Amino acid sequence: MSATTNSTHDVDVLIVGGGIAGLSLASALAGKCRVALVEAEPSLAYHTSARSAQQLIPSYGPAPVQDLTRRTLAKLAGAADAGSAAGGRPLVWPSRFMLVGTWADVGQASHAGMQPLSRDQARTLVPQLREDAFEAAALDPDSVRVDAAALLAYHEERARAGGVEIQVGSPVHTAQRVGEGWLVGAGAEGFHAANVVNAAGAWADDLAILFGVERLGLQPYRRTAALVSLAEPLDPDLPMVAAADNTWYFRPDEAGALVSPSEAEPSRAEDAVPRPGDIEATLGLIRSVADLKPTGIVKAWTGLRTSPKDGLPVMGFDPEGPGFFWLAGQGGYGFQTSSALAEDAAAALLAGPDALRSGASPVSETQRALDPHRLSVRT
């Protein structure tokens, strides 16, 4: 343990990472066991969770992700105690989502639950779309917006009220296995934890190395977005519109419009920022498909979406790292799977590492699909 450690706290679960994954798990575990959460940055949700597009799309992603999304939306819609965090407003509200592109691209990208639209129907919904810019469209009428800041605050409030100790500006610098637990140095504090949860986002593989655990090949990918002002405001009820080939999206916003090139460029774990020309190129592309009349860039940012090769989140105990639990690799599904993932992760942590493989407690097909065993080269 580092000589700078002031004191050691005994906990059942130490969560490393204060984004939506870590905070929602802390909220789910609050009052059920002794929990601490440490975040390396000076504030919670500093990286990807603060840079979300805030659109939750039930038809988005493979079957396990869609299952988690349905369950998360149900939990958020029923979060009656979220009023203070959301300023009395709901955490989520209806906000349709539409794909446009060639017949082939829309057919490949759309999923069950999406309604096919003709080009005329699509342009009736979004008159700004250029008639010659696409052939087909599909609409997800059940998509919603989320107040990301309110949801993060909601989980933080619930966690603190349930006795969870939260420390920011506390990067993990040492870790060693001691008896049946982990002795962890984070910032100026020490923790003796029965279980450590790796909710470190883009740094999840790096954290695993610090704990002597095998990397799972989690790769961060850049995703840039910007708020732009418009000469003519958009109807706030317009759907979010995305290219079926993942080359752009736009959505109405109070500032004008939210736009993105939807890039997925591999990156190292870093505090990512837009590169020169990224947003200008995006605006040029969107001008070619929609008559938005942008007049300037209000704000631009880049986040990192981290996922393994199969594109599914990772949730469960490590195959060979005792008491080391993965909650990472959510890619672009972080907010829309967060509450269900937290519920499942909390149940798994409370049940213990042998429950999944012994059959001691019920395990869903989704939970099995997310098990880190699938990515380990040792199993």
Protein backbone atom coordinates (compact mmCIF):
# COMPACT_ATOMS: atom_id res chain seq x y z
CA MET A 1 0.00 0.00 0.00
CA SER A 2 1.23 3.49 -0.86
CA ALA A 3 2.82 5.49 1.91
CA THR A 4 0.44 8.35 1.06
CA THR A 5 -2.59 6.34 2.18
CA ASN A 6 -4.27 8.05 5.14
CA SER A 7 -6.67 5.33 6.25
CA THR A 8 -8.17 2.02 5.15
CA HIS A 9 -11.90 1.49 4.72
CA ASP A 10 -13.46 -1.97 4.92
CA VAL A 11 -16.15 -2.49 2.27
CA ASP A 12 -17.94 -5.35 0.62
CA VAL A 13 -17.85 -3.73 -2.84
CA LEU A 14 -15.45 -1.11 -4.18
CA ILE A 15 -16.66 0.39 -7.47
CA VAL A 16 -13.94 1.95 -9.64
CA GLY A 17 -15.47 4.47 -12.01
CA GLY A 18 -18.03 7.22 -11.49
CA GLY A 19 -19.84 7.24 -14.83
CA ILE A 20 -23.38 6.00 -15.46
CA ALA A 21 -22.33 2.35 -14.98
CA GLY A 22 -20.65 2.84 -11.62
CA LEU A 23 -23.23 5.29 -10.28
CA SER A 24 -26.22 3.18 -11.26
CA LEU A 25 -24.62 0.13 -9.61
CA ALA A 26 -23.89 2.13 -6.45
CA SER A 27 -27.54 3.18 -6.46
CA ALA A 28 -28.70 -0.43 -6.88
CA LEU A 29 -26.45 -1.72 -4.06
CA ALA A 30 -27.13 1.14 -1.63
CA GLY A 31 -28.33 -0.13 1.73
CA LYS A 32 -27.71 -3.78 0.81
CA CYS A 33 -24.00 -3.98 1.67
CA ARG A 34 -21.01 -1.74 2.41
CA VAL A 35 -20.13 0.10 -0.79
CA ALA A 36 -17.56 2.70 -1.82
CA LEU A 37 -17.08 4.31 -5.22
CA VAL A 38 -13.88 5.99 -6.38
CA GLU A 39 -13.49 8.20 -9.43
CA ALA A 40 -10.10 9.31 -10.78
CA GLU A 41 -11.34 12.64 -12.13
CA PRO A 42 -12.26 15.64 -9.94
CA SER A 43 -15.96 15.18 -10.74
CA LEU A 44 -18.31 12.30 -11.44
CA ALA A 45 -19.32 11.40 -15.01
CA TYR A 46 -16.45 13.44 -16.42
CA HIS A 47 -15.80 11.46 -19.59
CA THR A 48 -18.25 9.55 -21.81
CA SER A 49 -21.27 9.80 -19.49
CA ALA A 50 -21.15 13.60 -19.69
CA ARG A 51 -21.04 13.47 -23.50
CA SER A 52 -24.07 11.33 -24.30
CA ALA A 53 -26.51 11.99 -27.15
CA GLN A 54 -29.21 11.20 -24.55
CA GLN A 55 -31.32 9.15 -26.98
CA LEU A 56 -32.56 5.74 -25.82
CA ILE A 57 -33.61 3.55 -28.75
CA PRO A 58 -35.37 0.23 -27.99
CA SER A 59 -34.65 -1.15 -31.48
CA TYR A 60 -30.91 -0.35 -31.24
CA GLY A 61 -28.38 -3.14 -30.85
CA PRO A 62 -28.38 -6.96 -30.65
CA ALA A 63 -30.96 -8.97 -28.68
CA PRO A 64 -29.24 -8.82 -25.25
CA VAL A 65 -28.92 -5.04 -25.54
CA GLN A 66 -32.56 -4.68 -26.57
CA ASP A 67 -33.59 -6.76 -23.54
CA LEU A 68 -31.55 -4.52 -21.22
CA THR A 69 -32.97 -1.41 -22.90
CA ARG A 70 -36.59 -2.49 -22.46
CA ARG A 71 -35.99 -3.21 -18.79
CA THR A 72 -34.09 0.05 -18.25
CA LEU A 73 -36.83 2.12 -19.87
CA ALA A 74 -39.44 0.43 -17.68
CA LYS A 75 -37.43 1.19 -14.54
CA LEU A 76 -36.81 4.82 -15.51
CA ALA A 77 -40.45 5.41 -16.40
CA GLY A 78 -41.43 4.08 -12.99
CA ALA A 79 -38.80 5.98 -11.00
CA ALA A 80 -41.33 7.91 -8.93
CA ASP A 81 -38.63 9.13 -6.54
CA ALA A 82 -36.61 10.86 -9.26
CA GLY A 83 -38.50 14.15 -9.14
CA SER A 84 -35.97 16.12 -7.12
CA ALA A 85 -33.05 15.16 -9.37
CA ALA A 86 -35.01 16.00 -12.51
CA GLY A 87 -36.46 19.24 -11.17
CA GLY A 88 -39.92 17.73 -11.04
CA ARG A 89 -39.75 16.61 -14.69
CA PRO A 90 -39.73 12.98 -15.89
CA LEU A 91 -36.35 11.37 -16.46
CA VAL A 92 -37.44 10.20 -19.92
CA TRP A 93 -39.95 11.44 -22.47
CA PRO A 94 -41.02 10.38 -26.01
CA SER A 95 -38.62 11.27 -28.82
CA ARG A 96 -38.93 9.26 -32.03
CA PHE A 97 -35.95 7.92 -34.00
CA MET A 98 -35.74 7.52 -37.77
CA LEU A 99 -33.21 5.78 -40.03
CA VAL A 100 -32.79 6.85 -43.65
CA GLY A 101 -30.64 5.56 -46.50
CA THR A 102 -30.65 3.09 -49.32
CA TRP A 103 -33.14 0.23 -49.27
CA ALA A 104 -30.33 -2.19 -48.48
CA ASP A 105 -28.83 -0.13 -45.64
CA VAL A 106 -32.18 0.58 -43.99
CA GLY A 107 -33.18 -3.06 -44.30
CA GLN A 108 -29.96 -4.20 -42.67
CA ALA A 109 -29.93 -1.57 -39.90
CA SER A 110 -33.59 -1.63 -38.87
CA HIS A 111 -34.91 -4.12 -36.31
CA ALA A 112 -38.22 -5.56 -35.18
CA GLY A 113 -40.37 -2.81 -33.76
CA MET A 114 -39.33 -0.26 -36.38
CA GLN A 115 -41.95 0.86 -38.89
CA PRO A 116 -40.92 1.01 -42.56
CA LEU A 117 -41.62 4.38 -44.19
CA SER A 118 -41.71 5.55 -47.77
CA ARG A 119 -39.62 8.53 -48.77
CA ASP A 120 -42.74 10.71 -48.82
CA GLN A 121 -43.76 9.57 -45.34
CA ALA A 122 -40.28 10.30 -44.02
CA ARG A 123 -40.25 13.79 -45.53
CA THR A 124 -43.68 14.48 -44.06
CA LEU A 125 -42.20 13.78 -40.63
CA VAL A 126 -38.97 15.67 -41.36
CA PRO A 127 -39.52 18.17 -44.19
CA GLN A 128 -35.89 19.30 -44.02
CA LEU A 129 -34.69 16.02 -45.59
CA ARG A 130 -33.69 16.37 -49.23
CA GLU A 131 -35.77 14.19 -51.53
CA ASP A 132 -32.79 12.88 -53.49
CA ALA A 133 -30.68 12.07 -50.39
CA PHE A 134 -32.28 8.72 -49.47
CA GLU A 135 -34.46 5.91 -50.80
CA ALA A 136 -36.06 4.40 -47.71
CA ALA A 137 -36.68 5.02 -44.03
CA ALA A 138 -37.74 3.27 -40.83
CA LEU A 139 -39.17 4.77 -37.64
CA ASP A 140 -38.82 3.68 -34.02
CA PRO A 141 -41.90 5.25 -32.39
CA ASP A 142 -40.91 4.05 -28.90
CA SER A 143 -37.58 5.87 -28.70
CA VAL A 144 -37.16 8.34 -25.83
CA ARG A 145 -34.88 11.14 -24.66
CA VAL A 146 -33.26 10.99 -21.25
CA ASP A 147 -32.19 13.84 -19.01
CA ALA A 148 -28.68 12.44 -18.56
CA ALA A 149 -27.59 14.93 -15.91
CA ALA A 150 -30.74 14.30 -13.88
CA LEU A 151 -30.34 10.53 -14.14
CA LEU A 152 -26.74 10.73 -12.93
CA ALA A 153 -27.83 13.00 -10.05
CA TYR A 154 -30.67 10.63 -9.21
CA HIS A 155 -28.30 7.68 -8.85
CA GLU A 156 -25.81 9.74 -6.88
CA GLU A 157 -28.53 10.90 -4.47
CA ARG A 158 -29.82 7.36 -3.98
CA ALA A 159 -26.30 6.01 -3.45
CA ARG A 160 -25.33 8.64 -0.87
CA ALA A 161 -28.67 8.28 0.93
CA GLY A 162 -28.02 4.53 1.17
CA GLY A 163 -24.61 5.02 2.77
CA VAL A 164 -22.35 4.65 -0.26
CA GLU A 165 -19.04 6.47 0.21
CA ILE A 166 -18.15 8.40 -2.97
CA GLN A 167 -14.69 9.86 -3.52
CA VAL A 168 -13.62 11.87 -6.57
CA GLY A 169 -10.07 12.81 -7.51
CA SER A 170 -9.06 9.35 -6.33
CA PRO A 171 -7.30 7.35 -9.05
CA VAL A 172 -6.47 3.76 -8.16
CA HIS A 173 -2.68 3.44 -7.90
CA THR A 174 -2.08 0.16 -6.04
CA ALA A 175 -3.89 -3.16 -5.77
CA GLN A 176 -2.93 -6.44 -4.14
CA ARG A 177 -4.76 -9.59 -3.20
CA VAL A 178 -4.81 -10.00 0.60
CA GLY A 179 -6.57 -13.03 2.04
CA GLU A 180 -10.11 -13.19 0.66
CA GLY A 181 -10.14 -9.62 -0.59
CA TRP A 182 -8.34 -6.77 -2.28
CA LEU A 183 -6.24 -4.05 -0.66
CA VAL A 184 -6.59 -1.02 -2.93
CA GLY A 185 -4.99 2.40 -2.81
CA ALA A 186 -7.07 5.16 -4.40
CA GLY A 187 -6.02 8.77 -4.05
CA ALA A 188 -5.00 9.27 -0.43
CA GLU A 189 -7.25 6.51 0.89
CA GLY A 190 -7.03 2.75 1.17
CA PHE A 191 -9.80 0.18 0.83
CA HIS A 192 -10.04 -3.44 1.87
CA ALA A 193 -12.75 -4.83 -0.39
CA ALA A 194 -14.20 -8.28 -0.78
CA ASN A 195 -15.10 -7.40 -4.38
CA VAL A 196 -13.83 -4.77 -6.80
CA VAL A 197 -16.04 -3.65 -9.70
CA ASN A 198 -14.27 -2.51 -12.85
CA ALA A 199 -16.55 0.26 -14.16
CA ALA A 200 -13.63 2.27 -15.55
CA GLY A 201 -14.97 2.75 -19.07
CA ALA A 202 -12.21 3.36 -21.62
CA TRP A 203 -9.65 2.53 -18.92
CA ALA A 204 -11.21 -0.85 -18.00
CA ASP A 205 -8.45 -2.97 -19.54
CA ASP A 206 -5.77 -0.75 -17.97
CA LEU A 207 -7.39 -1.20 -14.56
CA ALA A 208 -7.43 -4.96 -15.04
CA ILE A 209 -3.67 -4.95 -15.62
CA LEU A 210 -3.16 -3.05 -12.37
CA PHE A 211 -5.04 -5.83 -10.58
CA GLY A 212 -3.08 -8.56 -12.36
CA VAL A 213 -6.16 -9.61 -14.31
CA GLU A 214 -6.22 -10.54 -17.99
CA ARG A 215 -7.28 -7.81 -20.41
CA LEU A 216 -10.47 -8.58 -22.33
CA GLY A 217 -9.66 -6.54 -25.44
CA LEU A 218 -11.95 -3.60 -24.72
CA GLN A 219 -11.35 -0.97 -27.39
CA PRO A 220 -12.29 2.73 -27.05
CA TYR A 221 -13.76 4.37 -30.16
CA ARG A 222 -14.10 8.10 -30.84
CA ARG A 223 -17.55 9.66 -31.31
CA THR A 224 -17.76 13.41 -31.98
CA ALA A 225 -20.87 15.58 -31.72
CA ALA A 226 -21.74 19.27 -31.71
CA LEU A 227 -24.56 21.64 -30.97
CA VAL A 228 -25.05 24.06 -33.86
CA SER A 229 -27.19 27.17 -34.17
CA LEU A 230 -29.67 27.37 -37.06
CA ALA A 231 -31.09 30.22 -39.10
CA GLU A 232 -34.53 28.60 -38.80
CA PRO A 233 -35.39 26.62 -35.64
CA LEU A 234 -36.50 23.02 -35.94
CA ASP A 235 -39.77 21.74 -34.59
CA PRO A 236 -38.73 20.20 -31.22
CA ASP A 237 -41.01 17.22 -31.89
CA LEU A 238 -39.10 16.14 -35.01
CA PRO A 239 -37.55 12.67 -34.73
CA MET A 240 -33.82 12.16 -34.36
CA VAL A 241 -32.64 11.24 -37.88
CA ALA A 242 -29.66 8.97 -38.55
CA ALA A 243 -28.03 7.56 -41.66
CA ALA A 244 -28.52 3.81 -41.84
CA ASP A 245 -24.86 3.45 -42.85
CA ASN A 246 -23.72 5.21 -39.64
CA THR A 247 -22.22 8.30 -41.30
CA TRP A 248 -24.23 11.08 -39.57
CA TYR A 249 -27.17 11.96 -37.37
CA PHE A 250 -29.02 15.09 -36.31
CA ARG A 251 -31.73 15.94 -33.82
CA PRO A 252 -33.56 19.11 -32.73
CA ASP A 253 -32.10 20.83 -29.68
CA GLU A 254 -32.80 24.01 -27.75
CA ALA A 255 -29.57 25.43 -29.19
CA GLY A 256 -30.60 24.52 -32.74
CA ALA A 257 -29.52 20.97 -33.63
CA LEU A 258 -27.32 18.21 -32.32
CA VAL A 259 -25.18 16.77 -35.14
CA SER A 260 -22.58 14.02 -35.36
CA PRO A 261 -20.51 12.18 -37.98
CA SER A 262 -21.24 8.94 -36.05
CA GLU A 263 -17.60 7.93 -36.39
CA ALA A 264 -16.21 4.90 -34.60
CA GLU A 265 -12.46 5.44 -34.89
CA PRO A 266 -10.23 3.37 -32.57
CA SER A 267 -8.51 5.47 -29.91
CA ARG A 268 -6.37 5.10 -26.86
CA ALA A 269 -8.01 5.83 -23.51
CA GLU A 270 -7.82 9.62 -23.20
CA ASP A 271 -9.76 12.80 -22.54
CA ALA A 272 -10.83 13.00 -26.17
CA VAL A 273 -11.48 16.28 -28.00
CA PRO A 274 -12.72 17.06 -31.53
CA ARG A 275 -10.07 17.23 -34.20
CA PRO A 276 -9.70 20.24 -36.49
CA GLY A 277 -12.25 20.07 -39.28
CA ASP A 278 -14.37 17.26 -37.76
CA ILE A 279 -17.49 19.33 -37.19
CA GLU A 280 -17.11 21.40 -40.35
CA ALA A 281 -16.94 18.18 -42.39
CA THR A 282 -20.01 16.86 -40.59
CA LEU A 283 -21.96 20.03 -41.34
CA GLY A 284 -20.99 19.72 -44.99
CA LEU A 285 -22.28 16.16 -45.08
CA ILE A 286 -25.53 17.01 -43.32
CA ARG A 287 -26.11 19.98 -45.67
CA SER A 288 -26.05 17.46 -48.51
CA VAL A 289 -28.93 15.46 -47.02
CA ALA A 290 -30.99 18.03 -45.10
CA ASP A 291 -31.78 21.72 -45.32
CA LEU A 292 -30.88 22.69 -41.74
CA LYS A 293 -29.27 26.10 -42.41
CA PRO A 294 -26.56 25.94 -39.70
CA THR A 295 -25.11 29.32 -38.74
CA GLY A 296 -22.42 28.39 -36.22
CA ILE A 297 -21.01 25.87 -33.76
CA VAL A 298 -22.24 26.40 -30.20
CA LYS A 299 -20.31 23.57 -28.58
CA ALA A 300 -18.45 20.46 -29.73
CA TRP A 301 -17.11 17.43 -27.90
CA THR A 302 -15.76 13.92 -28.40
CA GLY A 303 -16.51 10.93 -26.21
CA LEU A 304 -15.11 7.40 -26.16
CA ARG A 305 -17.45 4.44 -26.64
CA THR A 306 -15.69 1.29 -25.42
CA SER A 307 -16.62 -2.25 -26.38
CA PRO A 308 -15.17 -5.73 -26.98
CA LYS A 309 -14.99 -7.34 -30.42
CA ASP A 310 -18.49 -8.83 -30.22
CA GLY A 311 -20.05 -5.47 -29.35
CA LEU A 312 -21.80 -6.67 -26.19
CA PRO A 313 -21.27 -5.24 -22.71
CA VAL A 314 -19.21 -7.22 -20.20
CA MET A 315 -20.83 -7.99 -16.86
CA GLY A 316 -19.74 -10.58 -14.33
CA PHE A 317 -16.92 -11.99 -12.23
CA ASP A 318 -13.57 -12.47 -13.94
CA PRO A 319 -12.78 -16.11 -14.81
CA GLU A 320 -9.57 -16.17 -12.77
CA GLY A 321 -9.39 -12.89 -10.85
CA PRO A 322 -11.06 -13.65 -7.50
CA GLY A 323 -13.44 -10.90 -6.44
CA PHE A 324 -12.79 -8.89 -9.63
CA PHE A 325 -16.07 -7.99 -11.33
CA TRP A 326 -16.44 -6.48 -14.82
CA LEU A 327 -19.06 -3.83 -15.62
CA ALA A 328 -17.71 -2.30 -18.80
CA GLY A 329 -17.74 -2.36 -22.59
CA GLN A 330 -21.20 -0.81 -22.99
CA GLY A 331 -20.23 0.93 -26.24
CA GLY A 332 -23.00 3.29 -27.32
CA TYR A 333 -25.55 1.55 -25.11
CA GLY A 334 -24.43 2.93 -21.74
CA PHE A 335 -27.42 4.99 -20.63
CA GLN A 336 -30.06 2.85 -22.29
CA THR A 337 -28.86 -0.35 -20.58
CA SER A 338 -27.68 1.22 -17.31
CA SER A 339 -30.51 0.47 -14.88
CA ALA A 340 -31.00 -3.13 -16.00
CA LEU A 341 -27.25 -3.79 -16.02
CA ALA A 342 -26.97 -2.34 -12.53
CA GLU A 343 -29.82 -4.50 -11.29
CA ASP A 344 -28.23 -7.64 -12.74
CA ALA A 345 -24.75 -6.71 -11.53
CA ALA A 346 -26.01 -6.02 -8.01
CA ALA A 347 -27.78 -9.39 -7.92
CA ALA A 348 -24.65 -11.16 -9.18
CA LEU A 349 -22.40 -9.46 -6.62
CA LEU A 350 -24.74 -10.28 -3.76
CA ALA A 351 -25.11 -13.89 -4.93
CA GLY A 352 -21.36 -14.46 -5.29
CA PRO A 353 -19.04 -15.66 -8.06
CA ASP A 354 -20.25 -19.26 -8.25
CA ALA A 355 -23.96 -18.58 -8.79
CA LEU A 356 -23.78 -18.29 -12.59
CA ARG A 357 -21.98 -21.54 -13.21
CA SER A 358 -23.45 -23.59 -10.38
CA GLY A 359 -27.06 -22.73 -11.13
CA ALA A 360 -27.53 -21.65 -7.51
CA SER A 361 -29.61 -18.68 -8.66
CA PRO A 362 -31.63 -18.04 -11.84
CA VAL A 363 -29.57 -16.59 -14.69
CA SER A 364 -31.08 -15.15 -17.86
CA GLU A 365 -29.84 -15.65 -21.40
CA THR A 366 -28.84 -11.98 -21.43
CA GLN A 367 -26.67 -12.40 -18.34
CA ARG A 368 -24.97 -15.43 -19.88
CA ALA A 369 -24.33 -13.49 -23.09
CA LEU A 370 -22.49 -10.77 -21.15
CA ASP A 371 -20.30 -13.07 -19.03
CA PRO A 372 -16.59 -12.15 -19.36
CA HIS A 373 -15.74 -15.85 -19.74
CA ARG A 374 -16.67 -15.51 -23.42
CA LEU A 375 -13.72 -13.14 -23.99
CA SER A 376 -11.04 -14.85 -21.92
CA VAL A 377 -8.26 -16.67 -23.74
CA ARG A 378 -7.84 -18.93 -20.72
CA THR A 379 -11.28 -20.56 -20.83
